[in-house]
């Protein structure tokens, strides 16, 4: 009987580990879906730039701030870089 109890505990522990892995996989999948969705949303707006811009890797492409500035300009309808440069003079 003691062997059966140990098997039950091992089984429960294994089920818990599998559940944890499944939750982690779902979290990673959710983050990837959100990243792709946000990238598509950004690209939809960046098509309006002249010349059109495109984000391929969200975290790499926005690092220098140029894409974000272009996105803000499209969303606001204002030329923000011109305003910033004028204020610095």
PDB file of N, CA and C in Angstrom:
ATOM      1  N   UNK A   1       0.817  -1.191   0.000  1.00  0.00           N
ATOM      2  CA  UNK A   1       0.000   0.000   0.000  1.00  0.00           C
ATOM      3  C   UNK A   1       0.863   1.258   0.000  1.00  0.00           C
ATOM      4  N   UNK A   2       1.981   1.210   0.692  1.00  0.00           N
ATOM      5  CA  UNK A   2       2.852   2.381   0.744  1.00  0.00           C
ATOM      6  C   UNK A   2       3.344   2.731  -0.653  1.00  0.00           C
ATOM      7  N   UNK A   3       3.589   1.742  -1.481  1.00  0.00           N
ATOM      8  CA  UNK A   3       4.030   1.993  -2.849  1.00  0.00           C
ATOM      9  C   UNK A   3       2.969   2.716  -3.656  1.00  0.00           C
ATOM     10  N   UNK A   4       1.707   2.389  -3.420  1.00  0.00           N
ATOM     11  CA  UNK A   4       0.612   3.042  -4.140  1.00  0.00           C
ATOM     12  C   UNK A   4       0.484   4.509  -3.741  1.00  0.00           C
ATOM     13  N   UNK A   5       0.698   4.804  -2.453  1.00  0.00           N
ATOM     14  CA  UNK A   5       0.624   6.199  -2.003  1.00  0.00           C
ATOM     15  C   UNK A   5       1.744   7.013  -2.654  1.00  0.00           C
ATOM     16  N   UNK A   6       2.922   6.444  -2.728  1.00  0.00           N
ATOM     17  CA  UNK A   6       4.045   7.146  -3.348  1.00  0.00           C
ATOM     18  C   UNK A   6       3.749   7.408  -4.822  1.00  0.00           C
ATOM     19  N   UNK A   7       3.200   6.407  -5.501  1.00  0.00           N
ATOM     20  CA  UNK A   7       2.841   6.583  -6.906  1.00  0.00           C
ATOM     21  C   UNK A   7       1.826   7.710  -7.066  1.00  0.00           C
ATOM     22  N   UNK A   8       0.893   7.813  -6.145  1.00  0.00           N
ATOM     23  CA  UNK A   8      -0.129   8.860  -6.211  1.00  0.00           C
ATOM     24  C   UNK A   8       0.518  10.237  -6.060  1.00  0.00           C
ATOM     25  N   UNK A   9       1.431  10.358  -5.091  1.00  0.00           N
ATOM     26  CA  UNK A   9       2.115  11.639  -4.893  1.00  0.00           C
ATOM     27  C   UNK A   9       2.980  12.000  -6.104  1.00  0.00           C
ATOM     28  N   UNK A  10       3.673  11.008  -6.649  1.00  0.00           N
ATOM     29  CA  UNK A  10       4.480  11.259  -7.846  1.00  0.00           C
ATOM     30  C   UNK A  10       3.595  11.706  -9.005  1.00  0.00           C
ATOM     31  N   UNK A  11       2.453  11.049  -9.137  1.00  0.00           N
ATOM     32  CA  UNK A  11       1.512  11.393 -10.201  1.00  0.00           C
ATOM     33  C   UNK A  11       1.013  12.821 -10.032  1.00  0.00           C
ATOM     34  N   UNK A  12       0.637  13.188  -8.828  1.00  0.00           N
ATOM     35  CA  UNK A  12       0.140  14.544  -8.567  1.00  0.00           C
ATOM     36  C   UNK A  12       1.230  15.590  -8.822  1.00  0.00           C
ATOM     37  N   UNK A  13       2.454  15.265  -8.426  1.00  0.00           N
ATOM     38  CA  UNK A  13       3.563  16.190  -8.661  1.00  0.00           C
ATOM     39  C   UNK A  13       3.808  16.362 -10.158  1.00  0.00           C
ATOM     40  N   UNK A  14       3.766  15.271 -10.893  1.00  0.00           N
ATOM     41  CA  UNK A  14       3.955  15.325 -12.338  1.00  0.00           C
ATOM     42  C   UNK A  14       2.843  16.137 -13.002  1.00  0.00           C
ATOM     43  N   UNK A  15       1.613  15.935 -12.575  1.00  0.00           N
ATOM     44  CA  UNK A  15       0.484  16.705 -13.111  1.00  0.00           C
ATOM     45  C   UNK A  15       0.682  18.190 -12.828  1.00  0.00           C
ATOM     46  N   UNK A  16       1.154  18.517 -11.629  1.00  0.00           N
ATOM     47  CA  UNK A  16       1.422  19.914 -11.281  1.00  0.00           C
ATOM     48  C   UNK A  16       2.501  20.518 -12.160  1.00  0.00           C
ATOM     49  N   UNK A  17       3.563  19.765 -12.417  1.00  0.00           N
ATOM     50  CA  UNK A  17       4.649  20.253 -13.272  1.00  0.00           C
ATOM     51  C   UNK A  17       4.165  20.471 -14.703  1.00  0.00           C
ATOM     52  N   UNK A  18       3.366  19.529 -15.192  1.00  0.00           N
ATOM     53  CA  UNK A  18       2.819  19.659 -16.546  1.00  0.00           C
ATOM     54  C   UNK A  18       1.910  20.883 -16.629  1.00  0.00           C
ATOM     55  N   UNK A  19       1.115  21.102 -15.596  1.00  0.00           N
ATOM     56  CA  UNK A  19       0.231  22.273 -15.568  1.00  0.00           C
ATOM     57  C   UNK A  19       1.036  23.564 -15.566  1.00  0.00           C
ATOM     58  N   UNK A  20       2.105  23.599 -14.784  1.00  0.00           N
ATOM     59  CA  UNK A  20       2.960  24.791 -14.740  1.00  0.00           C
ATOM     60  C   UNK A  20       3.568  25.082 -16.110  1.00  0.00           C
ATOM     61  N   UNK A  21       4.044  24.036 -16.770  1.00  0.00           N
ATOM     62  CA  UNK A  21       4.631  24.199 -18.103  1.00  0.00           C
ATOM     63  C   UNK A  21       3.577  24.703 -19.078  1.00  0.00           C
ATOM     64  N   UNK A  22       2.372  24.157 -18.991  1.00  0.00           N
ATOM     65  CA  UNK A  22       1.283  24.581 -19.889  1.00  0.00           C
ATOM     66  C   UNK A  22       0.948  26.055 -19.663  1.00  0.00           C
ATOM     67  N   UNK A  23       0.893  26.480 -18.406  1.00  0.00           N
ATOM     68  CA  UNK A  23       0.602  27.884 -18.093  1.00  0.00           C
ATOM     69  C   UNK A  23       1.705  28.782 -18.651  1.00  0.00           C
ATOM     70  N   UNK A  24       2.953  28.384 -18.474  1.00  0.00           N
ATOM     71  CA  UNK A  24       4.070  29.170 -19.009  1.00  0.00           C
ATOM     72  C   UNK A  24       3.989  29.270 -20.530  1.00  0.00           C
ATOM     73  N   UNK A  25       3.666  28.156 -21.191  1.00  0.00           N
ATOM     74  CA  UNK A  25       3.537  28.163 -22.649  1.00  0.00           C
ATOM     75  C   UNK A  25       2.406  29.080 -23.098  1.00  0.00           C
ATOM     76  N   UNK A  26       1.295  29.067 -22.374  1.00  0.00           N
ATOM     77  CA  UNK A  26       0.171  29.945 -22.710  1.00  0.00           C
ATOM     78  C   UNK A  26       0.540  31.411 -22.523  1.00  0.00           C
ATOM     79  N   UNK A  27       1.321  31.714 -21.480  1.00  0.00           N
ATOM     80  CA  UNK A  27       1.753  33.093 -21.258  1.00  0.00           C
ATOM     81  C   UNK A  27       2.660  33.571 -22.391  1.00  0.00           C
ATOM     82  N   UNK A  28       3.582  32.720 -22.807  1.00  0.00           N
ATOM     83  CA  UNK A  28       4.484  33.072 -23.911  1.00  0.00           C
ATOM     84  C   UNK A  28       3.674  33.259 -25.193  1.00  0.00           C
ATOM     85  N   UNK A  29       2.727  32.361 -25.434  1.00  0.00           N
ATOM     86  CA  UNK A  29       1.881  32.465 -26.624  1.00  0.00           C
ATOM     87  C   UNK A  29       1.071  33.764 -26.606  1.00  0.00           C
ATOM     88  N   UNK A  30       0.538  34.123 -25.452  1.00  0.00           N
ATOM     89  CA  UNK A  30      -0.243  35.359 -25.317  1.00  0.00           C
ATOM     90  C   UNK A  30       0.628  36.586 -25.594  1.00  0.00           C
ATOM     91  N   UNK A  31       1.837  36.587 -25.056  1.00  0.00           N
ATOM     92  CA  UNK A  31       2.762  37.696 -25.303  1.00  0.00           C
ATOM     93  C   UNK A  31       3.107  37.805 -26.787  1.00  0.00           C
ATOM     94  N   UNK A  32       3.311  36.675 -27.441  1.00  0.00           N
ATOM     95  CA  UNK A  32       3.628  36.683 -28.874  1.00  0.00           C
ATOM     96  C   UNK A  32       2.459  37.210 -29.698  1.00  0.00           C
ATOM     97  N   UNK A  33       1.240  36.812 -29.330  1.00  0.00           N
ATOM     98  CA  UNK A  33       0.049  37.304 -30.030  1.00  0.00           C
ATOM     99  C   UNK A  33      -0.075  38.813 -29.848  1.00  0.00           C
ATOM    100  N   UNK A  34       0.146  39.296 -28.627  1.00  0.00           N
ATOM    101  CA  UNK A  34       0.063  40.734 -28.377  1.00  0.00           C
ATOM    102  C   UNK A  34       1.137  41.489 -29.159  1.00  0.00           C
ATOM    103  N   UNK A  35       2.331  40.941 -29.221  1.00  0.00           N
ATOM    104  CA  UNK A  35       3.426  41.580 -29.959  1.00  0.00           C
ATOM    105  C   UNK A  35       3.089  41.658 -31.445  1.00  0.00           C
ATOM    106  N   UNK A  36       2.576  40.553 -32.013  1.00  0.00           N
ATOM    107  CA  UNK A  36       2.210  40.557 -33.435  1.00  0.00           C
ATOM    108  C   UNK A  36       1.063  41.529 -33.706  1.00  0.00           C
ATOM    109  N   UNK A  37       0.079  41.546 -32.820  1.00  0.00           N
ATOM    110  CA  UNK A  37      -1.066  42.443 -32.991  1.00  0.00           C
ATOM    111  C   UNK A  37      -0.625  43.898 -32.943  1.00  0.00           C
ATOM    112  N   UNK A  38       0.200  44.258 -31.974  1.00  0.00           N
ATOM    113  CA  UNK A  38       0.678  45.632 -31.849  1.00  0.00           C
ATOM    114  C   UNK A  38       1.559  46.010 -33.042  1.00  0.00           C
ATOM    115  N   UNK A  39       2.384  45.073 -33.506  1.00  0.00           N
ATOM    116  CA  UNK A  39       3.234  45.328 -34.671  1.00  0.00           C
ATOM    117  C   UNK A  39       2.374  45.595 -35.902  1.00  0.00           C
ATOM    118  N   UNK A  40       1.315  44.801 -36.092  1.00  0.00           N
ATOM    119  CA  UNK A  40       0.414  45.036 -37.230  1.00  0.00           C
ATOM    120  C   UNK A  40      -0.263  46.395 -37.115  1.00  0.00           C
ATOM    121  N   UNK A  41      -0.680  46.762 -35.901  1.00  0.00           N
ATOM    122  CA  UNK A  41      -1.336  48.053 -35.679  1.00  0.00           C
ATOM    123  C   UNK A  41      -0.379  49.197 -36.012  1.00  0.00           C
ATOM    124  N   UNK A  42       0.868  49.087 -35.543  1.00  0.00           N
ATOM    125  CA  UNK A  42       1.869  50.114 -35.845  1.00  0.00           C
ATOM    126  C   UNK A  42       2.086  50.209 -37.353  1.00  0.00           C
ATOM    127  N   UNK A  43       2.249  49.063 -38.016  1.00  0.00           N
ATOM    128  CA  UNK A  43       2.510  49.065 -39.456  1.00  0.00           C
ATOM    129  C   UNK A  43       1.342  49.651 -40.244  1.00  0.00           C
ATOM    130  N   UNK A  44       0.133  49.429 -39.776  1.00  0.00           N
ATOM    131  CA  UNK A  44      -1.045  50.010 -40.421  1.00  0.00           C
ATOM    132  C   UNK A  44      -0.932  51.532 -40.453  1.00  0.00           C
ATOM    133  N   UNK A  45      -0.465  52.118 -39.368  1.00  0.00           N
ATOM    134  CA  UNK A  45      -0.316  53.569 -39.294  1.00  0.00           C
ATOM    135  C   UNK A  45       0.946  54.053 -40.006  1.00  0.00           C
ATOM    136  N   UNK A  46       2.013  53.272 -39.944  1.00  0.00           N
ATOM    137  CA  UNK A  46       3.271  53.690 -40.572  1.00  0.00           C
ATOM    138  C   UNK A  46       3.213  53.651 -42.099  1.00  0.00           C
ATOM    139  N   UNK A  47       2.200  52.961 -42.656  1.00  0.00           N
ATOM    140  CA  UNK A  47       2.010  52.975 -44.106  1.00  0.00           C
ATOM    141  C   UNK A  47       1.718  54.390 -44.599  1.00  0.00           C
ATOM    142  N   UNK A  48       1.215  55.245 -43.711  1.00  0.00           N
ATOM    143  CA  UNK A  48       0.847  56.617 -44.074  1.00  0.00           C
ATOM    144  C   UNK A  48       2.059  57.540 -44.149  1.00  0.00           C
ATOM    145  N   UNK A  49       3.208  57.080 -43.667  1.00  0.00           N
ATOM    146  CA  UNK A  49       4.427  57.900 -43.713  1.00  0.00           C
ATOM    147  C   UNK A  49       4.915  58.026 -45.150  1.00  0.00           C
ATOM    148  N   UNK A  50       5.686  59.071 -45.401  1.00  0.00           N
ATOM    149  CA  UNK A  50       6.264  59.266 -46.719  1.00  0.00           C
ATOM    150  C   UNK A  50       7.778  59.367 -46.569  1.00  0.00           C
ATOM    151  N   UNK A  51       8.531  58.343 -46.918  1.00  0.00           N
ATOM    152  CA  UNK A  51       8.116  57.054 -47.461  1.00  0.00           C
ATOM    153  C   UNK A  51       7.530  56.161 -46.367  1.00  0.00           C
ATOM    154  N   UNK A  52       6.706  55.179 -46.780  1.00  0.00           N
ATOM    155  CA  UNK A  52       6.107  54.270 -45.792  1.00  0.00           C
ATOM    156  C   UNK A  52       7.182  53.528 -45.000  1.00  0.00           C
ATOM    157  N   UNK A  53       6.917  53.336 -43.734  1.00  0.00           N
ATOM    158  CA  UNK A  53       7.834  52.602 -42.856  1.00  0.00           C
ATOM    159  C   UNK A  53       7.199  51.278 -42.472  1.00  0.00           C
ATOM    160  N   UNK A  54       8.039  50.327 -42.037  1.00  0.00           N
ATOM    161  CA  UNK A  54       7.530  49.029 -41.605  1.00  0.00           C
ATOM    162  C   UNK A  54       8.367  48.505 -40.443  1.00  0.00           C
ATOM    163  N   UNK A  55       7.677  48.008 -39.440  1.00  0.00           N
ATOM    164  CA  UNK A  55       8.325  47.364 -38.299  1.00  0.00           C
ATOM    165  C   UNK A  55       8.310  45.867 -38.555  1.00  0.00           C
ATOM    166  N   UNK A  56       9.492  45.257 -38.488  1.00  0.00           N
ATOM    167  CA  UNK A  56       9.577  43.804 -38.648  1.00  0.00           C
ATOM    168  C   UNK A  56       9.752  43.136 -37.290  1.00  0.00           C
ATOM    169  N   UNK A  57      10.665  43.652 -36.492  1.00  0.00           N
ATOM    170  CA  UNK A  57      10.870  43.150 -35.128  1.00  0.00           C
ATOM    171  C   UNK A  57      10.612  44.310 -34.174  1.00  0.00           C
ATOM    172  N   UNK A  58       9.520  44.241 -33.467  1.00  0.00           N
ATOM    173  CA  UNK A  58       9.046  45.354 -32.645  1.00  0.00           C
ATOM    174  C   UNK A  58      10.120  45.880 -31.705  1.00  0.00           C
ATOM    175  N   UNK A  59      10.742  45.014 -30.938  1.00  0.00           N
ATOM    176  CA  UNK A  59      11.673  45.464 -29.906  1.00  0.00           C
ATOM    177  C   UNK A  59      12.986  45.991 -30.489  1.00  0.00           C
ATOM    178  N   UNK A  60      13.397  45.472 -31.609  1.00  0.00           N
ATOM    179  CA  UNK A  60      14.637  45.943 -32.242  1.00  0.00           C
ATOM    180  C   UNK A  60      14.376  47.262 -32.978  1.00  0.00           C
ATOM    181  N   UNK A  61      13.303  47.292 -33.753  1.00  0.00           N
ATOM    182  CA  UNK A  61      13.058  48.425 -34.648  1.00  0.00           C
ATOM    183  C   UNK A  61      12.684  49.721 -33.930  1.00  0.00           C
ATOM    184  N   UNK A  62      12.184  49.637 -32.707  1.00  0.00           N
ATOM    185  CA  UNK A  62      11.780  50.876 -32.020  1.00  0.00           C
ATOM    186  C   UNK A  62      12.841  51.386 -31.044  1.00  0.00           C
ATOM    187  N   UNK A  63      13.971  50.719 -30.968  1.00  0.00           N
ATOM    188  CA  UNK A  63      14.981  51.072 -29.966  1.00  0.00           C
ATOM    189  C   UNK A  63      15.517  52.491 -30.102  1.00  0.00           C
ATOM    190  N   UNK A  64      15.735  52.948 -31.321  1.00  0.00           N
ATOM    191  CA  UNK A  64      16.346  54.274 -31.479  1.00  0.00           C
ATOM    192  C   UNK A  64      15.334  55.415 -31.386  1.00  0.00           C
ATOM    193  N   UNK A  65      14.053  55.115 -31.346  1.00  0.00           N
ATOM    194  CA  UNK A  65      13.025  56.139 -31.168  1.00  0.00           C
ATOM    195  C   UNK A  65      12.501  56.748 -32.454  1.00  0.00           C
ATOM    196  N   UNK A  66      13.152  56.494 -33.586  1.00  0.00           N
ATOM    197  CA  UNK A  66      12.721  57.102 -34.850  1.00  0.00           C
ATOM    198  C   UNK A  66      11.349  56.588 -35.281  1.00  0.00           C
ATOM    199  N   UNK A  67      11.137  55.287 -35.153  1.00  0.00           N
ATOM    200  CA  UNK A  67       9.842  54.701 -35.521  1.00  0.00           C
ATOM    201  C   UNK A  67       8.750  55.240 -34.602  1.00  0.00           C
ATOM    202  N   UNK A  68       9.051  55.326 -33.314  1.00  0.00           N
ATOM    203  CA  UNK A  68       8.054  55.855 -32.375  1.00  0.00           C
ATOM    204  C   UNK A  68       7.719  57.305 -32.686  1.00  0.00           C
ATOM    205  N   UNK A  69       8.718  58.085 -33.043  1.00  0.00           N
ATOM    206  CA  UNK A  69       8.477  59.485 -33.400  1.00  0.00           C
ATOM    207  C   UNK A  69       7.610  59.560 -34.655  1.00  0.00           C
ATOM    208  N   UNK A  70       7.921  58.727 -35.647  1.00  0.00           N
ATOM    209  CA  UNK A  70       7.119  58.707 -36.877  1.00  0.00           C
ATOM    210  C   UNK A  70       5.683  58.299 -36.571  1.00  0.00           C
ATOM    211  N   UNK A  71       5.509  57.319 -35.684  1.00  0.00           N
ATOM    212  CA  UNK A  71       4.165  56.882 -35.299  1.00  0.00           C
ATOM    213  C   UNK A  71       3.409  58.012 -34.605  1.00  0.00           C
ATOM    214  N   UNK A  72       4.074  58.707 -33.699  1.00  0.00           N
ATOM    215  CA  UNK A  72       3.435  59.838 -33.018  1.00  0.00           C
ATOM    216  C   UNK A  72       3.043  60.932 -34.004  1.00  0.00           C
ATOM    217  N   UNK A  73       3.889  61.174 -34.988  1.00  0.00           N
ATOM    218  CA  UNK A  73       3.564  62.182 -35.998  1.00  0.00           C
ATOM    219  C   UNK A  73       2.329  61.781 -36.798  1.00  0.00           C
ATOM    220  N   UNK A  74       2.252  60.507 -37.183  1.00  0.00           N
ATOM    221  CA  UNK A  74       1.091  60.033 -37.942  1.00  0.00           C
ATOM    222  C   UNK A  74      -0.169  60.125 -37.090  1.00  0.00           C
ATOM    223  N   UNK A  75      -0.081  59.681 -35.845  1.00  0.00           N
ATOM    224  CA  UNK A  75      -1.261  59.674 -34.977  1.00  0.00           C
ATOM    225  C   UNK A  75      -1.726  61.083 -34.616  1.00  0.00           C
ATOM    226  N   UNK A  76      -0.785  61.996 -34.428  1.00  0.00           N
ATOM    227  CA  UNK A  76      -1.150  63.356 -34.019  1.00  0.00           C
ATOM    228  C   UNK A  76      -1.427  64.275 -35.207  1.00  0.00           C
ATOM    229  N   UNK A  77      -0.918  63.894 -36.378  1.00  0.00           N
ATOM    230  CA  UNK A  77      -1.083  64.747 -37.547  1.00  0.00           C
ATOM    231  C   UNK A  77      -0.170  65.958 -37.531  1.00  0.00           C
ATOM    232  N   UNK A  78       0.826  65.962 -36.663  1.00  0.00           N
ATOM    233  CA  UNK A  78       1.752  67.089 -36.550  1.00  0.00           C
ATOM    234  C   UNK A  78       3.177  66.619 -36.828  1.00  0.00           C
ATOM    235  N   UNK A  79       3.994  67.545 -37.300  1.00  0.00           N
ATOM    236  CA  UNK A  79       5.402  67.254 -37.528  1.00  0.00           C
ATOM    237  C   UNK A  79       6.163  67.548 -36.235  1.00  0.00           C
ATOM    238  N   UNK A  80       6.320  66.557 -35.431  1.00  0.00           N
ATOM    239  CA  UNK A  80       6.908  66.740 -34.103  1.00  0.00           C
ATOM    240  C   UNK A  80       8.405  67.004 -34.158  1.00  0.00           C
ATOM    241  N   UNK A  81       9.108  66.395 -35.084  1.00  0.00           N
ATOM    242  CA  UNK A  81      10.554  66.609 -35.169  1.00  0.00           C
ATOM    243  C   UNK A  81      10.859  68.065 -35.488  1.00  0.00           C
ATOM    244  N   UNK A  82      10.069  68.682 -36.347  1.00  0.00           N
ATOM    245  CA  UNK A  82      10.260  70.099 -36.671  1.00  0.00           C
ATOM    246  C   UNK A  82      10.100  70.943 -35.416  1.00  0.00           C
ATOM    247  N   UNK A  83       9.065  70.629 -34.624  1.00  0.00           N
ATOM    248  CA  UNK A  83       8.814  71.385 -33.393  1.00  0.00           C
ATOM    249  C   UNK A  83       9.954  71.211 -32.395  1.00  0.00           C
ATOM    250  N   UNK A  84      10.449  70.003 -32.272  1.00  0.00           N
ATOM    251  CA  UNK A  84      11.539  69.730 -31.328  1.00  0.00           C
ATOM    252  C   UNK A  84      12.803  70.467 -31.763  1.00  0.00           C
ATOM    253  N   UNK A  85      13.114  70.404 -33.056  1.00  0.00           N
ATOM    254  CA  UNK A  85      14.314  71.077 -33.562  1.00  0.00           C
ATOM    255  C   UNK A  85      14.214  72.589 -33.390  1.00  0.00           C
ATOM    256  N   UNK A  86      13.030  73.151 -33.607  1.00  0.00           N
ATOM    257  CA  UNK A  86      12.846  74.601 -33.434  1.00  0.00           C
ATOM    258  C   UNK A  86      13.029  75.006 -31.973  1.00  0.00           C
ATOM    259  N   UNK A  87      12.572  74.193 -31.058  1.00  0.00           N
ATOM    260  CA  UNK A  87      12.698  74.508 -29.627  1.00  0.00           C
ATOM    261  C   UNK A  87      14.148  74.429 -29.165  1.00  0.00           C
ATOM    262  N   UNK A  88      14.961  73.596 -29.814  1.00  0.00           N
ATOM    263  CA  UNK A  88      16.358  73.445 -29.417  1.00  0.00           C
ATOM    264  C   UNK A  88      17.222  74.593 -29.921  1.00  0.00           C
ATOM    265  N   UNK A  89      16.741  75.334 -30.896  1.00  0.00           N
ATOM    266  CA  UNK A  89      17.550  76.428 -31.477  1.00  0.00           C
ATOM    267  C   UNK A  89      17.575  77.626 -30.580  1.00  0.00           C
TER     268      UNK A  89
END
